[in-house]
Protein backbone atom coordinates (compact mmCIF):
# COMPACT_ATOMS: atom_id res chain seq x y z
CA MET A 1 -74.39 -79.03 -128.22
CA THR A 2 -74.76 -79.69 -131.95
CA ALA A 3 -71.42 -80.19 -133.69
CA THR A 4 -70.81 -78.15 -136.81
CA VAL A 5 -68.15 -78.88 -139.43
CA LEU A 6 -66.72 -77.13 -142.46
CA VAL A 7 -66.52 -79.50 -145.39
CA LEU A 8 -64.57 -79.34 -148.63
CA ASP A 9 -65.08 -81.55 -151.68
CA ILE A 10 -62.14 -81.34 -154.11
CA GLY A 11 -62.62 -83.08 -157.45
CA GLY A 12 -61.27 -82.92 -160.95
CA THR A 13 -64.31 -81.01 -162.25
CA LYS A 14 -65.66 -78.94 -159.36
CA LEU A 15 -64.86 -77.67 -155.88
CA ALA A 16 -67.59 -77.54 -153.25
CA ALA A 17 -67.70 -76.26 -149.69
CA GLY A 18 -70.37 -76.44 -147.04
CA ILE A 19 -71.26 -76.07 -143.38
CA VAL A 20 -72.99 -79.14 -141.98
CA ASP A 21 -74.33 -79.98 -138.51
CA SER A 22 -74.28 -83.36 -136.78
CA GLY A 23 -77.77 -84.15 -138.05
CA GLY A 24 -76.58 -84.00 -141.66
CA ASN A 25 -78.25 -80.65 -142.32
CA ILE A 26 -76.42 -78.47 -144.84
CA LEU A 27 -76.46 -74.95 -143.42
CA ALA A 28 -74.47 -73.26 -146.20
CA ARG A 29 -72.92 -74.35 -149.47
CA ALA A 30 -71.05 -73.02 -152.51
CA GLU A 31 -69.22 -74.46 -155.50
CA VAL A 32 -66.98 -73.38 -158.38
CA PRO A 33 -65.20 -75.18 -161.24
CA THR A 34 -61.88 -76.76 -160.29
CA LEU A 35 -59.98 -75.65 -163.41
CA ALA A 36 -57.36 -78.23 -162.47
CA THR A 37 -55.10 -77.48 -165.42
CA GLU A 38 -54.28 -74.10 -163.88
CA GLY A 39 -52.11 -75.86 -161.31
CA VAL A 40 -52.05 -76.69 -157.62
CA GLU A 41 -51.61 -73.18 -156.20
CA ARG A 42 -54.47 -71.66 -158.17
CA VAL A 43 -56.82 -74.48 -157.19
CA LEU A 44 -55.84 -74.22 -153.52
CA ASP A 45 -56.49 -70.46 -153.64
CA ARG A 46 -59.99 -71.19 -154.94
CA VAL A 47 -60.55 -73.75 -152.16
CA ILE A 48 -59.66 -71.18 -149.49
CA ARG A 49 -61.86 -68.50 -151.05
CA LEU A 50 -64.74 -70.97 -151.26
CA ALA A 51 -64.32 -71.98 -147.62
CA LYS A 52 -64.44 -68.34 -146.56
CA VAL A 53 -67.63 -67.82 -148.55
CA VAL A 54 -69.52 -70.48 -146.57
CA LEU A 55 -67.93 -69.46 -143.27
CA SER A 56 -69.28 -65.95 -143.80
CA ALA A 57 -72.78 -67.09 -144.82
CA PRO A 58 -75.73 -65.72 -142.80
CA GLY A 59 -76.21 -67.52 -139.49
CA ILE A 60 -72.84 -69.28 -139.58
CA SER A 61 -70.51 -66.82 -137.83
CA GLY A 62 -71.87 -67.62 -134.36
CA ARG A 63 -71.37 -71.37 -134.70
CA GLY A 64 -68.18 -72.99 -133.52
CA ILE A 65 -66.56 -75.05 -136.26
CA GLN A 66 -65.42 -78.34 -134.77
CA ARG A 67 -63.17 -79.40 -137.64
CA ILE A 68 -62.73 -79.50 -141.40
CA GLY A 69 -63.72 -82.60 -143.34
CA ILE A 70 -62.01 -82.97 -146.72
CA GLY A 71 -63.01 -85.32 -149.51
CA CYS A 72 -60.37 -85.16 -152.25
CA ALA A 73 -59.75 -87.10 -155.44
CA GLY A 74 -57.43 -89.94 -154.50
CA PRO A 75 -55.10 -91.54 -153.88
CA VAL A 76 -54.44 -89.88 -150.55
CA ASP A 77 -52.41 -90.65 -147.44
CA ARG A 78 -54.86 -89.94 -144.63
CA GLN A 79 -52.37 -90.27 -141.80
CA ALA A 80 -49.84 -87.87 -143.35
CA GLY A 81 -52.55 -85.57 -144.73
CA LEU A 82 -51.15 -85.82 -148.26
CA VAL A 83 -52.77 -85.90 -151.68
CA LEU A 84 -50.48 -88.25 -153.59
CA ASN A 85 -51.01 -88.12 -157.37
CA PRO A 86 -54.67 -88.16 -158.50
CA PRO A 87 -55.13 -88.85 -162.22
CA ASN A 88 -57.72 -86.06 -162.44
CA LEU A 89 -55.74 -83.43 -160.52
CA PRO A 90 -52.57 -83.04 -162.60
CA GLY A 91 -49.53 -81.87 -160.66
CA TRP A 92 -50.93 -82.80 -157.24
CA ILE A 93 -47.95 -84.89 -156.18
CA ARG A 94 -47.65 -85.34 -152.40
CA VAL A 95 -49.52 -82.09 -151.72
CA PRO A 96 -49.70 -81.49 -147.91
CA LEU A 97 -53.37 -80.57 -148.08
CA VAL A 98 -54.27 -81.01 -144.40
CA ASP A 99 -51.37 -78.89 -143.17
CA TYR A 100 -52.14 -76.17 -145.73
CA LEU A 101 -55.84 -75.98 -144.87
CA GLU A 102 -55.28 -76.08 -141.11
CA LYS A 103 -52.86 -73.17 -141.33
CA SER A 104 -55.02 -71.22 -143.76
CA LEU A 105 -58.37 -71.70 -142.02
CA GLY A 106 -57.42 -72.21 -138.38
CA HIS A 107 -59.29 -75.47 -137.72
CA PRO A 108 -58.13 -79.09 -137.39
CA ALA A 109 -58.76 -81.07 -140.56
CA VAL A 110 -59.25 -84.69 -141.56
CA LEU A 111 -58.67 -86.00 -145.09
CA GLU A 112 -60.37 -88.82 -146.99
CA ASN A 113 -60.43 -90.07 -150.56
CA ASP A 114 -63.51 -88.44 -152.11
CA ALA A 115 -65.03 -91.73 -153.22
CA ASN A 116 -64.58 -93.17 -149.71
CA ALA A 117 -66.17 -90.04 -148.30
CA ALA A 118 -69.10 -90.37 -150.70
CA ALA A 119 -69.49 -94.03 -149.71
CA LEU A 120 -69.68 -93.02 -146.06
CA GLY A 121 -72.14 -90.24 -146.88
CA GLU A 122 -74.47 -92.63 -148.73
CA PHE A 123 -74.10 -95.16 -145.91
CA ARG A 124 -75.02 -92.60 -143.22
CA TYR A 125 -77.58 -90.45 -145.01
CA GLY A 126 -78.51 -91.97 -148.37
CA ALA A 127 -79.09 -95.22 -150.25
CA GLY A 128 -77.00 -97.22 -147.77
CA LYS A 129 -79.03 -96.40 -144.67
CA GLY A 130 -79.88 -99.58 -142.79
CA ALA A 131 -77.19 -101.72 -144.45
CA ASN A 132 -74.14 -103.11 -142.71
CA SER A 133 -71.96 -103.33 -145.81
CA LEU A 134 -71.94 -101.72 -149.22
CA VAL A 135 -69.82 -100.97 -152.25
CA TYR A 136 -70.12 -97.47 -153.69
CA LEU A 137 -69.03 -96.45 -157.18
CA THR A 138 -68.97 -92.96 -158.57
CA VAL A 139 -68.95 -92.82 -162.37
CA SER A 140 -68.13 -89.30 -163.46
CA THR A 141 -64.94 -87.57 -164.63
CA GLY A 142 -63.23 -90.67 -163.26
CA ILE A 143 -64.46 -93.83 -161.58
CA GLY A 144 -63.85 -94.16 -157.87
CA GLY A 145 -65.15 -96.44 -155.19
CA GLY A 146 -65.58 -96.93 -151.48
CA ILE A 147 -66.18 -100.06 -149.41
CA ILE A 148 -68.09 -100.23 -146.13
CA LEU A 149 -67.61 -103.43 -144.12
CA ASP A 150 -69.27 -104.00 -140.74
CA GLY A 151 -70.32 -100.36 -140.69
CA LYS A 152 -66.83 -98.94 -141.25
CA LEU A 153 -64.84 -97.72 -144.22
CA TRP A 154 -62.33 -100.31 -145.38
CA HIS A 155 -59.07 -98.54 -146.22
CA GLY A 156 -56.73 -101.45 -146.90
CA LEU A 157 -52.96 -101.24 -147.26
CA LYS A 158 -51.84 -97.60 -147.25
CA ASP A 159 -55.41 -96.42 -147.94
CA GLY A 160 -55.44 -98.22 -151.29
CA ALA A 161 -58.77 -100.04 -150.98
CA GLY A 162 -61.75 -99.17 -153.14
CA GLU A 163 -59.99 -98.07 -156.34
CA VAL A 164 -62.46 -100.00 -158.46
CA GLY A 165 -61.96 -97.67 -161.42
CA HIS A 166 -58.46 -99.01 -161.86
CA MET A 167 -59.10 -102.71 -162.21
CA THR A 168 -57.90 -103.91 -165.62
CA LEU A 169 -60.69 -105.03 -167.96
CA VAL A 170 -58.89 -104.91 -171.32
CA PRO A 171 -55.15 -105.64 -170.96
CA ASP A 172 -54.19 -103.80 -174.16
CA GLY A 173 -56.95 -101.21 -173.88
CA PRO A 174 -56.71 -97.42 -173.83
CA VAL A 175 -54.21 -95.73 -171.56
CA CYS A 176 -55.71 -94.66 -168.25
CA GLY A 177 -54.78 -91.54 -166.29
CA CYS A 178 -53.19 -93.79 -163.67
CA GLY A 179 -50.66 -95.04 -166.24
CA ASN A 180 -52.14 -98.51 -166.71
CA ARG A 181 -54.01 -99.67 -169.80
CA GLY A 182 -57.59 -100.86 -170.10
CA CYS A 183 -58.84 -99.75 -166.68
CA LEU A 184 -62.56 -99.52 -166.02
CA GLU A 185 -62.12 -95.75 -165.77
CA ALA A 186 -60.48 -95.61 -169.19
CA LEU A 187 -63.48 -97.40 -170.68
CA ALA A 188 -66.59 -96.23 -168.84
CA SER A 189 -65.99 -92.85 -167.18
CA GLY A 190 -67.82 -89.86 -168.65
CA PRO A 191 -64.87 -88.61 -170.75
CA SER A 192 -64.08 -92.18 -171.85
CA ILE A 193 -67.63 -92.74 -173.09
CA ALA A 194 -67.36 -89.54 -175.13
CA ARG A 195 -63.93 -90.58 -176.44
CA ARG A 196 -65.19 -93.97 -177.60
CA ALA A 197 -68.10 -92.26 -179.34
CA ARG A 198 -65.71 -89.92 -181.18
CA GLU A 199 -63.56 -92.89 -182.18
CA ALA A 200 -66.64 -94.66 -183.55
CA LEU A 201 -67.57 -91.53 -185.52
CA GLY A 202 -64.06 -91.59 -186.98
CA THR A 203 -64.91 -94.78 -188.85
CA GLY A 204 -67.27 -92.77 -191.05
CA ARG A 205 -70.55 -94.23 -189.85
CA SER A 206 -73.60 -92.01 -189.85
CA SER A 207 -74.95 -90.85 -186.51
CA ARG A 208 -76.73 -87.87 -184.97
CA LEU A 209 -73.75 -87.66 -182.63
CA ARG A 210 -72.03 -85.77 -185.46
CA ASP A 211 -74.37 -82.85 -184.82
CA VAL A 212 -73.22 -82.43 -181.21
CA GLN A 213 -70.55 -79.75 -180.78
CA ALA A 214 -68.92 -80.75 -177.47
CA LEU A 215 -69.83 -84.41 -177.19
CA THR A 216 -70.42 -85.75 -173.66
CA ALA A 217 -71.52 -89.03 -172.10
CA ALA A 218 -74.93 -87.48 -171.48
CA ASP A 219 -75.28 -86.87 -175.24
CA VAL A 220 -74.43 -90.50 -175.93
CA ALA A 221 -77.02 -91.70 -173.41
CA ARG A 222 -79.68 -89.33 -174.73
CA LEU A 223 -79.22 -90.25 -178.38
CA ALA A 224 -78.98 -93.95 -177.56
CA GLN A 225 -82.41 -93.69 -175.91
CA GLU A 226 -83.69 -91.93 -179.01
CA GLY A 227 -82.62 -94.82 -181.19
CA ASP A 228 -79.30 -93.68 -182.68
CA THR A 229 -77.55 -96.93 -183.59
CA LEU A 230 -73.96 -95.82 -183.04
CA ALA A 231 -74.78 -94.16 -179.73
CA ALA A 232 -76.64 -97.30 -178.63
CA GLU A 233 -73.61 -99.46 -179.39
CA VAL A 234 -71.32 -97.19 -177.35
CA TRP A 235 -73.81 -97.15 -174.47
CA THR A 236 -74.27 -100.94 -174.52
CA ALA A 237 -70.51 -101.39 -174.31
CA THR A 238 -70.42 -98.92 -171.41
CA VAL A 239 -73.00 -100.94 -169.48
CA GLU A 240 -71.05 -104.13 -170.15
CA TYR A 241 -67.79 -102.62 -168.88
CA LEU A 242 -69.49 -101.32 -165.74
CA ALA A 243 -71.16 -104.67 -165.17
CA LEU A 244 -67.80 -106.45 -165.38
CA GLY A 245 -66.41 -104.12 -162.73
CA VAL A 246 -69.43 -104.41 -160.44
CA ALA A 247 -69.55 -108.19 -160.85
CA ALA A 248 -65.89 -108.55 -159.90
CA VAL A 249 -66.31 -106.47 -156.75
CA VAL A 250 -69.54 -108.24 -155.76
CA THR A 251 -67.90 -111.63 -156.19
CA ILE A 252 -65.06 -110.62 -153.87
CA ILE A 253 -66.91 -108.54 -151.25
CA ALA A 254 -70.49 -109.91 -151.35
CA PRO A 255 -71.90 -106.62 -150.00
CA GLU A 256 -75.48 -106.06 -148.88
CA ARG A 257 -75.88 -103.21 -151.39
CA VAL A 258 -74.17 -101.65 -154.39
CA VAL A 259 -74.71 -97.91 -154.76
CA ILE A 260 -73.74 -96.03 -157.93
CA GLY A 261 -73.50 -92.27 -158.21
CA GLY A 262 -71.81 -89.67 -160.41
CA GLY A 263 -72.95 -87.96 -163.58
CA VAL A 264 -73.23 -91.14 -165.68
CA ALA A 265 -75.71 -92.56 -163.15
CA ASN A 266 -78.06 -89.70 -164.08
CA ALA A 267 -79.14 -91.88 -167.01
CA GLY A 268 -81.37 -93.64 -164.47
CA ASP A 269 -83.14 -96.83 -165.51
CA PHE A 270 -81.50 -96.65 -168.93
CA LEU A 271 -78.29 -97.54 -167.06
CA PHE A 272 -79.53 -99.48 -164.05
CA GLU A 273 -81.94 -101.95 -165.68
CA PRO A 274 -79.42 -103.45 -168.16
CA LEU A 275 -76.65 -103.16 -165.57
CA ARG A 276 -78.60 -105.27 -163.06
CA ARG A 277 -79.35 -107.87 -165.72
CA GLU A 278 -75.72 -108.10 -166.79
CA VAL A 279 -74.40 -108.31 -163.22
CA ARG A 280 -76.88 -111.11 -162.45
CA HIS A 281 -75.66 -112.89 -165.58
CA ARG A 282 -71.99 -112.51 -164.61
CA VAL A 283 -72.05 -113.32 -160.88
CA LYS A 284 -72.38 -117.03 -160.11
CA LEU A 285 -71.17 -117.54 -156.52
CA VAL A 286 -72.95 -114.73 -154.63
CA ALA A 287 -76.70 -114.42 -154.03
CA VAL A 288 -76.90 -111.56 -156.51
CA ALA A 289 -80.63 -111.97 -157.12
CA SER A 290 -81.24 -110.44 -153.69
CA LEU A 291 -78.54 -107.77 -154.01
CA PRO A 292 -79.91 -104.24 -154.54
CA ILE A 293 -77.95 -102.21 -157.11
CA LEU A 294 -79.18 -98.71 -156.40
CA PRO A 295 -78.68 -95.17 -157.64
CA ALA A 296 -77.05 -92.88 -155.11
CA ALA A 297 -79.65 -90.95 -153.14
CA LEU A 298 -77.73 -87.81 -152.17
CA GLY A 299 -77.24 -86.37 -155.66
CA ALA A 300 -75.22 -83.17 -155.72
CA ASP A 301 -75.00 -83.26 -151.91
CA VAL A 302 -72.96 -86.46 -151.77
CA GLY A 303 -69.55 -84.75 -151.71
CA ILE A 304 -70.54 -82.35 -148.97
CA LEU A 305 -72.37 -84.91 -146.83
CA GLY A 306 -69.63 -87.46 -147.37
CA ALA A 307 -66.94 -85.08 -146.16
CA ALA A 308 -69.24 -84.17 -143.26
CA ALA A 309 -69.58 -87.83 -142.27
CA VAL A 310 -65.78 -88.14 -142.31
CA ALA A 311 -65.38 -85.06 -140.11
CA LEU A 312 -68.13 -86.04 -137.69
CA ASP A 313 -66.75 -89.58 -137.36
CA ALA A 314 -63.21 -88.34 -136.66
């Protein structure tokens, strides 16, 4: 009989829920904004309402739900079912998420860091298919990562592996949400790209970025492609920061593939072509010329399919 799982993707920007079968087919899905600043209880209420929406979707009621797969912004304690203190979910300190969802929804649940879940989703269903090892980065509201070694997620000490967004690149750099300074996330995540652009505008230089009301990383990428000098400088620095992070991980792990997803990766070749060049320039001791650095293949489905892979593997 085909297994069916309820999946929940809990991030700093959006919440998503879905029903997925063992073949990786999404049978129902829904999403809403997280609105994380409203606090833990309000967000959890939205998660439960969202789960009930997909559980009541046409054709779902007759299927037996095997378990709940949860991908949540980390760090998390998988064994205890706790969300510890994610930088992009303020106030989520040791939240007993698994216990809460099991009691609220009546199904056993399994928890995974959302970036780890996305890595497993890409490995099973996306750009990692056919590989035995990969490093996955998601560059969005934050920067997370997941590592697959010998076909399995590598969790490390107390589930701490894969936090590539929190390697220090600039020791006295901007403060990161994790409390450190100069992390990759503080320099190259979507909000950080926009912040650096605003700081550059503060020096008085001319730029079409001044005409953008609510400046985002996508605006920076777009105007950089159109030839805006200031935007191009910010984007070039972004690529260099990302390349430093990727190069460090590649030098340590030597994976068969690097897969990059998240909103910033939507820039496509404008990101990937200079990123590949810079990583090849930086890495000296790994056969990086034969290492594919690929855009994630699952797009908006990565959170749902990643949480599904976690649930189906449990």
